[in-house]
């Protein structure tokens, strides 16, 4: 019988450069503007920042994939 092992921590296999993060962020804001034809409100800006931060920290996370 094998001894019980603890699951290994998932490590981020993708890393972004600062330029890539700027480009992705700009594209997200431009996509919002194209879709809604207005600037995001403060709440919408906070949601965008939250989503992008989660994506940059763990791009392979299940919550970042289409279900």
PDB file of N, CA and C in Angstrom:
ATOM      1  N   UNK A   1       0.848  -1.173   0.000  1.00  0.00           N
ATOM      2  CA  UNK A   1       0.000   0.000   0.000  1.00  0.00           C
ATOM      3  C   UNK A   1       0.895   1.238   0.000  1.00  0.00           C
ATOM      4  N   UNK A   2       0.548   2.189  -0.845  1.00  0.00           N
ATOM      5  CA  UNK A   2       1.318   3.429  -0.933  1.00  0.00           C
ATOM      6  C   UNK A   2       0.951   4.360   0.218  1.00  0.00           C
ATOM      7  N   UNK A   3       1.928   5.104   0.726  1.00  0.00           N
ATOM      8  CA  UNK A   3       1.592   6.089   1.761  1.00  0.00           C
ATOM      9  C   UNK A   3       0.814   7.253   1.146  1.00  0.00           C
ATOM     10  N   UNK A   4      -0.047   7.836   1.938  1.00  0.00           N
ATOM     11  CA  UNK A   4      -0.829   8.980   1.464  1.00  0.00           C
ATOM     12  C   UNK A   4       0.098  10.157   1.198  1.00  0.00           C
ATOM     13  N   UNK A   5      -0.162  10.829   0.109  1.00  0.00           N
ATOM     14  CA  UNK A   5       0.643  12.006  -0.227  1.00  0.00           C
ATOM     15  C   UNK A   5      -0.265  13.212  -0.328  1.00  0.00           C
ATOM     16  N   UNK A   6       0.291  14.342  -0.060  1.00  0.00           N
ATOM     17  CA  UNK A   6      -0.477  15.573  -0.194  1.00  0.00           C
ATOM     18  C   UNK A   6      -0.343  16.069  -1.622  1.00  0.00           C
ATOM     19  N   UNK A   7      -1.399  16.664  -2.168  1.00  0.00           N
ATOM     20  CA  UNK A   7      -1.310  17.170  -3.538  1.00  0.00           C
ATOM     21  C   UNK A   7      -0.278  18.291  -3.631  1.00  0.00           C
ATOM     22  N   UNK A   8       0.421  18.301  -4.737  1.00  0.00           N
ATOM     23  CA  UNK A   8       1.417  19.346  -4.943  1.00  0.00           C
ATOM     24  C   UNK A   8       0.721  20.637  -5.348  1.00  0.00           C
ATOM     25  N   UNK A   9       1.305  21.735  -4.961  1.00  0.00           N
ATOM     26  CA  UNK A   9       0.746  23.040  -5.303  1.00  0.00           C
ATOM     27  C   UNK A   9       0.829  23.242  -6.810  1.00  0.00           C
ATOM     28  N   UNK A  10      -0.200  23.832  -7.350  1.00  0.00           N
ATOM     29  CA  UNK A  10      -0.209  24.135  -8.774  1.00  0.00           C
ATOM     30  C   UNK A  10       0.619  25.391  -8.982  1.00  0.00           C
ATOM     31  N   UNK A  11       1.556  25.300  -9.886  1.00  0.00           N
ATOM     32  CA  UNK A  11       2.383  26.468 -10.160  1.00  0.00           C
ATOM     33  C   UNK A  11       1.968  27.081 -11.479  1.00  0.00           C
ATOM     34  N   UNK A  12       2.160  28.348 -11.584  1.00  0.00           N
ATOM     35  CA  UNK A  12       1.844  29.080 -12.796  1.00  0.00           C
ATOM     36  C   UNK A  12       2.870  28.719 -13.861  1.00  0.00           C
ATOM     37  N   UNK A  13       2.409  28.095 -14.942  1.00  0.00           N
ATOM     38  CA  UNK A  13       3.325  27.688 -16.003  1.00  0.00           C
ATOM     39  C   UNK A  13       3.527  28.778 -17.040  1.00  0.00           C
ATOM     40  N   UNK A  14       2.741  29.812 -16.963  1.00  0.00           N
ATOM     41  CA  UNK A  14       2.825  30.910 -17.918  1.00  0.00           C
ATOM     42  C   UNK A  14       3.186  32.175 -17.160  1.00  0.00           C
ATOM     43  N   UNK A  15       4.111  32.927 -17.698  1.00  0.00           N
ATOM     44  CA  UNK A  15       4.405  34.224 -17.089  1.00  0.00           C
ATOM     45  C   UNK A  15       4.304  35.284 -18.175  1.00  0.00           C
ATOM     46  N   UNK A  16       3.874  36.446 -17.784  1.00  0.00           N
ATOM     47  CA  UNK A  16       3.666  37.541 -18.718  1.00  0.00           C
ATOM     48  C   UNK A  16       4.709  38.620 -18.488  1.00  0.00           C
ATOM     49  N   UNK A  17       5.133  39.246 -19.575  1.00  0.00           N
ATOM     50  CA  UNK A  17       6.000  40.409 -19.442  1.00  0.00           C
ATOM     51  C   UNK A  17       5.114  41.611 -19.155  1.00  0.00           C
ATOM     52  N   UNK A  18       5.723  42.674 -18.714  1.00  0.00           N
ATOM     53  CA  UNK A  18       4.959  43.896 -18.439  1.00  0.00           C
ATOM     54  C   UNK A  18       4.272  44.385 -19.712  1.00  0.00           C
ATOM     55  N   UNK A  19       4.988  44.336 -20.837  1.00  0.00           N
ATOM     56  CA  UNK A  19       4.407  44.778 -22.111  1.00  0.00           C
ATOM     57  C   UNK A  19       3.201  43.930 -22.503  1.00  0.00           C
ATOM     58  N   UNK A  20       3.272  42.628 -22.266  1.00  0.00           N
ATOM     59  CA  UNK A  20       2.141  41.759 -22.573  1.00  0.00           C
ATOM     60  C   UNK A  20       0.940  42.094 -21.694  1.00  0.00           C
ATOM     61  N   UNK A  21       1.196  42.354 -20.418  1.00  0.00           N
ATOM     62  CA  UNK A  21       0.093  42.698 -19.516  1.00  0.00           C
ATOM     63  C   UNK A  21      -0.557  44.013 -19.932  1.00  0.00           C
ATOM     64  N   UNK A  22       0.245  44.986 -20.337  1.00  0.00           N
ATOM     65  CA  UNK A  22      -0.298  46.268 -20.796  1.00  0.00           C
ATOM     66  C   UNK A  22      -1.152  46.046 -22.040  1.00  0.00           C
ATOM     67  N   UNK A  23      -0.647  45.259 -22.993  1.00  0.00           N
ATOM     68  CA  UNK A  23      -1.373  45.010 -24.233  1.00  0.00           C
ATOM     69  C   UNK A  23      -2.695  44.286 -23.966  1.00  0.00           C
ATOM     70  N   UNK A  24      -2.679  43.263 -23.122  1.00  0.00           N
ATOM     71  CA  UNK A  24      -3.899  42.516 -22.803  1.00  0.00           C
ATOM     72  C   UNK A  24      -4.909  43.418 -22.101  1.00  0.00           C
ATOM     73  N   UNK A  25      -4.435  44.245 -21.184  1.00  0.00           N
ATOM     74  CA  UNK A  25      -5.319  45.165 -20.465  1.00  0.00           C
ATOM     75  C   UNK A  25      -5.946  46.175 -21.415  1.00  0.00           C
ATOM     76  N   UNK A  26      -5.135  46.746 -22.312  1.00  0.00           N
ATOM     77  CA  UNK A  26      -5.669  47.701 -23.292  1.00  0.00           C
ATOM     78  C   UNK A  26      -6.723  47.041 -24.170  1.00  0.00           C
ATOM     79  N   UNK A  27      -6.456  45.826 -24.621  1.00  0.00           N
ATOM     80  CA  UNK A  27      -7.424  45.121 -25.466  1.00  0.00           C
ATOM     81  C   UNK A  27      -8.726  44.863 -24.722  1.00  0.00           C
ATOM     82  N   UNK A  28      -8.648  44.540 -23.444  1.00  0.00           N
ATOM     83  CA  UNK A  28      -9.857  44.301 -22.652  1.00  0.00           C
ATOM     84  C   UNK A  28     -10.687  45.577 -22.528  1.00  0.00           C
ATOM     85  N   UNK A  29     -10.017  46.694 -22.278  1.00  0.00           N
ATOM     86  CA  UNK A  29     -10.734  47.969 -22.147  1.00  0.00           C
ATOM     87  C   UNK A  29     -11.322  48.387 -23.491  1.00  0.00           C
ATOM     88  N   UNK A  30     -10.555  48.228 -24.572  1.00  0.00           N
ATOM     89  CA  UNK A  30     -11.068  48.569 -25.907  1.00  0.00           C
ATOM     90  C   UNK A  30     -12.250  47.681 -26.279  1.00  0.00           C
ATOM     91  N   UNK A  31     -12.204  46.403 -25.915  1.00  0.00           N
ATOM     92  CA  UNK A  31     -13.320  45.496 -26.193  1.00  0.00           C
ATOM     93  C   UNK A  31     -14.570  45.945 -25.436  1.00  0.00           C
ATOM     94  N   UNK A  32     -14.389  46.361 -24.193  1.00  0.00           N
ATOM     95  CA  UNK A  32     -15.516  46.877 -23.412  1.00  0.00           C
ATOM     96  C   UNK A  32     -16.100  48.104 -24.107  1.00  0.00           C
ATOM     97  N   UNK A  33     -15.225  49.016 -24.521  1.00  0.00           N
ATOM     98  CA  UNK A  33     -15.691  50.252 -25.166  1.00  0.00           C
ATOM     99  C   UNK A  33     -16.423  49.942 -26.475  1.00  0.00           C
ATOM    100  N   UNK A  34     -15.886  49.027 -27.278  1.00  0.00           N
ATOM    101  CA  UNK A  34     -16.538  48.669 -28.545  1.00  0.00           C
ATOM    102  C   UNK A  34     -17.912  48.056 -28.296  1.00  0.00           C
ATOM    103  N   UNK A  35     -18.011  47.238 -27.264  1.00  0.00           N
ATOM    104  CA  UNK A  35     -19.271  46.547 -27.000  1.00  0.00           C
ATOM    105  C   UNK A  35     -20.338  47.488 -26.447  1.00  0.00           C
ATOM    106  N   UNK A  36     -19.948  48.331 -25.489  1.00  0.00           N
ATOM    107  CA  UNK A  36     -20.934  49.167 -24.805  1.00  0.00           C
ATOM    108  C   UNK A  36     -20.918  50.625 -25.246  1.00  0.00           C
ATOM    109  N   UNK A  37     -19.944  51.021 -26.060  1.00  0.00           N
ATOM    110  CA  UNK A  37     -19.825  52.381 -26.601  1.00  0.00           C
ATOM    111  C   UNK A  37     -19.796  53.443 -25.502  1.00  0.00           C
ATOM    112  N   UNK A  38     -19.111  53.122 -24.428  1.00  0.00           N
ATOM    113  CA  UNK A  38     -18.920  54.069 -23.329  1.00  0.00           C
ATOM    114  C   UNK A  38     -17.767  53.584 -22.464  1.00  0.00           C
ATOM    115  N   UNK A  39     -17.292  54.493 -21.597  1.00  0.00           N
ATOM    116  CA  UNK A  39     -16.242  54.118 -20.641  1.00  0.00           C
ATOM    117  C   UNK A  39     -16.845  53.255 -19.545  1.00  0.00           C
ATOM    118  N   UNK A  40     -16.063  52.338 -18.989  1.00  0.00           N
ATOM    119  CA  UNK A  40     -16.581  51.554 -17.859  1.00  0.00           C
ATOM    120  C   UNK A  40     -16.748  52.428 -16.614  1.00  0.00           C
ATOM    121  N   UNK A  41     -17.781  52.141 -15.847  1.00  0.00           N
ATOM    122  CA  UNK A  41     -17.981  52.842 -14.579  1.00  0.00           C
ATOM    123  C   UNK A  41     -16.910  52.367 -13.595  1.00  0.00           C
ATOM    124  N   UNK A  42     -16.879  52.982 -12.414  1.00  0.00           N
ATOM    125  CA  UNK A  42     -15.895  52.567 -11.402  1.00  0.00           C
ATOM    126  C   UNK A  42     -16.086  51.104 -11.012  1.00  0.00           C
ATOM    127  N   UNK A  43     -17.335  50.672 -10.877  1.00  0.00           N
ATOM    128  CA  UNK A  43     -17.599  49.269 -10.528  1.00  0.00           C
ATOM    129  C   UNK A  43     -17.144  48.340 -11.649  1.00  0.00           C
ATOM    130  N   UNK A  44     -17.406  48.728 -12.885  1.00  0.00           N
ATOM    131  CA  UNK A  44     -16.987  47.907 -14.021  1.00  0.00           C
ATOM    132  C   UNK A  44     -15.467  47.884 -14.148  1.00  0.00           C
ATOM    133  N   UNK A  45     -14.824  49.014 -13.861  1.00  0.00           N
ATOM    134  CA  UNK A  45     -13.357  49.052 -13.867  1.00  0.00           C
ATOM    135  C   UNK A  45     -12.805  48.096 -12.814  1.00  0.00           C
ATOM    136  N   UNK A  46     -13.413  48.097 -11.639  1.00  0.00           N
ATOM    137  CA  UNK A  46     -12.965  47.198 -10.570  1.00  0.00           C
ATOM    138  C   UNK A  46     -13.136  45.738 -10.989  1.00  0.00           C
ATOM    139  N   UNK A  47     -14.232  45.429 -11.669  1.00  0.00           N
ATOM    140  CA  UNK A  47     -14.462  44.060 -12.135  1.00  0.00           C
ATOM    141  C   UNK A  47     -13.426  43.668 -13.187  1.00  0.00           C
ATOM    142  N   UNK A  48     -13.122  44.586 -14.103  1.00  0.00           N
ATOM    143  CA  UNK A  48     -12.095  44.312 -15.116  1.00  0.00           C
ATOM    144  C   UNK A  48     -10.740  44.071 -14.466  1.00  0.00           C
ATOM    145  N   UNK A  49     -10.389  44.911 -13.512  1.00  0.00           N
ATOM    146  CA  UNK A  49      -9.106  44.758 -12.812  1.00  0.00           C
ATOM    147  C   UNK A  49      -9.056  43.413 -12.093  1.00  0.00           C
ATOM    148  N   UNK A  50     -10.139  43.050 -11.432  1.00  0.00           N
ATOM    149  CA  UNK A  50     -10.195  41.778 -10.711  1.00  0.00           C
ATOM    150  C   UNK A  50     -10.022  40.598 -11.667  1.00  0.00           C
ATOM    151  N   UNK A  51     -10.743  40.627 -12.772  1.00  0.00           N
ATOM    152  CA  UNK A  51     -10.654  39.532 -13.750  1.00  0.00           C
ATOM    153  C   UNK A  51      -9.259  39.439 -14.353  1.00  0.00           C
ATOM    154  N   UNK A  52      -8.700  40.575 -14.731  1.00  0.00           N
ATOM    155  CA  UNK A  52      -7.365  40.561 -15.338  1.00  0.00           C
ATOM    156  C   UNK A  52      -6.303  40.128 -14.335  1.00  0.00           C
ATOM    157  N   UNK A  53      -6.444  40.555 -13.086  1.00  0.00           N
ATOM    158  CA  UNK A  53      -5.482  40.148 -12.057  1.00  0.00           C
ATOM    159  C   UNK A  53      -5.517  38.640 -11.867  1.00  0.00           C
ATOM    160  N   UNK A  54      -6.730  38.078 -11.774  1.00  0.00           N
ATOM    161  CA  UNK A  54      -6.850  36.621 -11.637  1.00  0.00           C
ATOM    162  C   UNK A  54      -6.248  35.913 -12.843  1.00  0.00           C
ATOM    163  N   UNK A  55      -6.471  36.463 -14.036  1.00  0.00           N
ATOM    164  CA  UNK A  55      -5.922  35.849 -15.248  1.00  0.00           C
ATOM    165  C   UNK A  55      -4.395  35.895 -15.242  1.00  0.00           C
ATOM    166  N   UNK A  56      -3.817  37.031 -14.871  1.00  0.00           N
ATOM    167  CA  UNK A  56      -2.356  37.148 -14.871  1.00  0.00           C
ATOM    168  C   UNK A  56      -1.718  36.250 -13.811  1.00  0.00           C
ATOM    169  N   UNK A  57      -2.392  36.057 -12.686  1.00  0.00           N
ATOM    170  CA  UNK A  57      -1.839  35.217 -11.624  1.00  0.00           C
ATOM    171  C   UNK A  57      -1.966  33.724 -11.924  1.00  0.00           C
ATOM    172  N   UNK A  58      -3.039  33.342 -12.597  1.00  0.00           N
ATOM    173  CA  UNK A  58      -3.269  31.915 -12.883  1.00  0.00           C
ATOM    174  C   UNK A  58      -4.006  31.752 -14.209  1.00  0.00           C
ATOM    175  N   UNK A  59      -3.309  31.939 -15.328  1.00  0.00           N
ATOM    176  CA  UNK A  59      -3.982  31.877 -16.631  1.00  0.00           C
ATOM    177  C   UNK A  59      -4.555  30.501 -16.970  1.00  0.00           C
ATOM    178  N   UNK A  60      -4.058  29.456 -16.331  1.00  0.00           N
ATOM    179  CA  UNK A  60      -4.543  28.108 -16.607  1.00  0.00           C
ATOM    180  C   UNK A  60      -5.634  27.656 -15.640  1.00  0.00           C
ATOM    181  N   UNK A  61      -6.087  28.545 -14.781  1.00  0.00           N
ATOM    182  CA  UNK A  61      -7.105  28.184 -13.793  1.00  0.00           C
ATOM    183  C   UNK A  61      -8.413  27.800 -14.493  1.00  0.00           C
ATOM    184  N   UNK A  62      -9.137  26.830 -13.935  1.00  0.00           N
ATOM    185  CA  UNK A  62     -10.399  26.405 -14.556  1.00  0.00           C
ATOM    186  C   UNK A  62     -11.392  27.549 -14.726  1.00  0.00           C
ATOM    187  N   UNK A  63     -11.375  28.525 -13.829  1.00  0.00           N
ATOM    188  CA  UNK A  63     -12.330  29.633 -13.926  1.00  0.00           C
ATOM    189  C   UNK A  63     -12.030  30.550 -15.103  1.00  0.00           C
ATOM    190  N   UNK A  64     -10.873  30.409 -15.737  1.00  0.00           N
ATOM    191  CA  UNK A  64     -10.517  31.245 -16.882  1.00  0.00           C
ATOM    192  C   UNK A  64     -10.817  30.571 -18.211  1.00  0.00           C
ATOM    193  N   UNK A  65     -11.365  29.362 -18.171  1.00  0.00           N
ATOM    194  CA  UNK A  65     -11.681  28.636 -19.400  1.00  0.00           C
ATOM    195  C   UNK A  65     -13.181  28.641 -19.640  1.00  0.00           C
ATOM    196  N   UNK A  66     -13.555  28.553 -20.909  1.00  0.00           N
ATOM    197  CA  UNK A  66     -14.971  28.437 -21.237  1.00  0.00           C
ATOM    198  C   UNK A  66     -15.488  27.101 -20.749  1.00  0.00           C
ATOM    199  N   UNK A  67     -16.656  27.112 -20.185  1.00  0.00           N
ATOM    200  CA  UNK A  67     -17.242  25.868 -19.667  1.00  0.00           C
ATOM    201  C   UNK A  67     -18.159  25.273 -20.699  1.00  0.00           C
TER     202      UNK A  67
END
